[in-house]
């Protein structure tokens, strides 16, 4: 069985970008895509139209909290703005997940 691909919901545009990238990877391997939405960040309403994408509401305040839901070594996609001078919160989240043992991919989107 192919392990699922995870997307962390950030901004609506960032989440759409991450889901699009995750869907390509999941489609090639036959995996499911799970969108984790928390901290008052709603998942975009058009995600339900994508086949194989499941939304999961969760509560987290840090990347370490997500490891209760995401196994180490999982493929995780995070989308958002890059930040002009400093890394954006979304980019920092992807980097932190990588340091914690996930295969995190950051997908930049336009503001």
Protein backbone atom coordinates (compact mmCIF):
# COMPACT_ATOMS: atom_id res chain seq x y z
CA UNK A 1 0.00 0.00 0.00
CA UNK A 2 1.30 3.43 -0.97
CA UNK A 3 1.60 5.90 1.93
CA UNK A 4 -0.58 9.02 1.66
CA UNK A 5 0.63 12.48 0.74
CA UNK A 6 -0.14 15.31 3.18
CA UNK A 7 -0.87 18.98 2.53
CA UNK A 8 -0.80 21.58 5.30
CA UNK A 9 -3.50 24.20 4.67
CA UNK A 10 -2.06 27.70 4.84
CA UNK A 11 -3.52 30.51 2.75
CA UNK A 12 -6.18 29.66 0.15
CA UNK A 13 -3.75 30.28 -2.73
CA UNK A 14 -0.93 28.43 -0.98
CA UNK A 15 -3.15 25.46 -0.20
CA UNK A 16 -4.37 25.25 -3.81
CA UNK A 17 -0.76 25.28 -5.05
CA UNK A 18 0.29 22.59 -2.58
CA UNK A 19 -2.74 20.40 -3.41
CA UNK A 20 -2.02 20.69 -7.13
CA UNK A 21 1.59 19.56 -6.61
CA UNK A 22 0.59 16.81 -4.17
CA UNK A 23 -2.08 15.52 -6.55
CA UNK A 24 0.51 15.05 -9.29
CA UNK A 25 2.76 13.06 -6.96
CA UNK A 26 -0.15 11.08 -5.53
CA UNK A 27 -1.58 10.36 -8.98
CA UNK A 28 1.74 8.91 -10.14
CA UNK A 29 1.96 6.60 -7.13
CA UNK A 30 -1.74 5.91 -6.49
CA UNK A 31 -1.63 7.54 -3.03
CA UNK A 32 -4.35 9.49 -1.25
CA UNK A 33 -4.00 13.21 -0.47
CA UNK A 34 -4.93 14.47 3.01
CA UNK A 35 -5.28 18.21 3.65
CA UNK A 36 -4.68 19.13 7.30
CA UNK A 37 -6.47 22.36 8.16
CA UNK A 38 -6.08 23.98 11.54
CA UNK A 39 -5.45 27.19 13.45
CA UNK A 40 -8.53 28.80 11.90
CA UNK A 41 -7.15 28.35 8.39
CA UNK A 42 -9.97 27.13 6.19
CA UNK A 43 -9.23 24.87 3.27
CA UNK A 44 -10.35 26.33 -0.06
CA UNK A 45 -13.88 25.27 -0.94
CA UNK A 46 -12.90 23.92 -4.35
CA UNK A 47 -10.77 21.12 -2.86
CA UNK A 48 -13.80 18.84 -2.63
CA UNK A 49 -14.00 18.82 -6.42
CA UNK A 50 -10.65 17.03 -6.66
CA UNK A 51 -10.86 13.27 -6.59
CA UNK A 52 -8.81 11.59 -3.88
CA UNK A 53 -8.43 14.71 -1.70
CA UNK A 54 -9.68 14.42 1.88
CA UNK A 55 -9.82 17.33 4.34
CA UNK A 56 -9.00 16.76 8.00
CA UNK A 57 -9.62 19.42 10.65
CA UNK A 58 -6.95 19.42 13.35
CA UNK A 59 -5.50 21.71 15.97
CA UNK A 60 -1.81 22.53 15.91
CA UNK A 61 0.36 25.40 16.96
CA UNK A 62 3.74 24.12 15.83
CA UNK A 63 5.22 21.70 13.34
CA UNK A 64 5.97 19.29 16.19
CA UNK A 65 2.21 19.04 16.89
CA UNK A 66 1.65 17.84 13.33
CA UNK A 67 3.84 14.80 13.90
CA UNK A 68 0.99 13.29 15.93
CA UNK A 69 -0.92 13.09 12.62
CA UNK A 70 1.89 12.79 10.10
CA UNK A 71 4.32 9.88 10.34
CA UNK A 72 8.03 10.62 10.11
CA UNK A 73 9.25 10.20 6.56
CA UNK A 74 5.88 11.20 5.08
CA UNK A 75 5.66 13.38 1.99
CA UNK A 76 4.28 16.78 3.01
CA UNK A 77 3.47 19.77 0.80
CA UNK A 78 3.21 23.32 2.14
CA UNK A 79 2.29 26.25 -0.10
CA UNK A 80 2.54 29.97 0.50
CA UNK A 81 4.46 33.11 -0.21
CA UNK A 82 8.25 33.01 -0.06
CA UNK A 83 8.68 36.26 1.82
CA UNK A 84 10.55 39.20 0.45
CA UNK A 85 13.29 39.74 3.03
CA UNK A 86 12.66 36.97 5.55
CA UNK A 87 11.29 33.45 5.09
CA UNK A 88 7.50 33.39 5.31
CA UNK A 89 5.76 31.43 8.09
CA UNK A 90 4.81 28.78 5.52
CA UNK A 91 8.40 28.38 4.34
CA UNK A 92 9.59 28.16 7.94
CA UNK A 93 6.96 25.47 8.60
CA UNK A 94 8.19 23.40 5.64
CA UNK A 95 11.80 23.73 6.81
CA UNK A 96 10.86 22.73 10.36
CA UNK A 97 8.96 19.65 9.12
CA UNK A 98 12.06 18.67 7.14
CA UNK A 99 14.23 18.96 10.23
CA UNK A 100 11.73 16.80 12.13
CA UNK A 101 12.08 13.98 9.59
CA UNK A 102 9.34 14.56 7.00
CA UNK A 103 9.98 14.93 3.28
CA UNK A 104 8.55 18.45 3.14
CA UNK A 105 8.21 20.37 -0.12
CA UNK A 106 7.48 24.09 -0.20
CA UNK A 107 5.45 25.32 -3.19
CA UNK A 108 5.61 29.11 -3.66
CA UNK A 109 2.57 30.97 -4.91
CA UNK A 110 1.84 34.52 -5.94
CA UNK A 111 0.39 36.80 -3.24
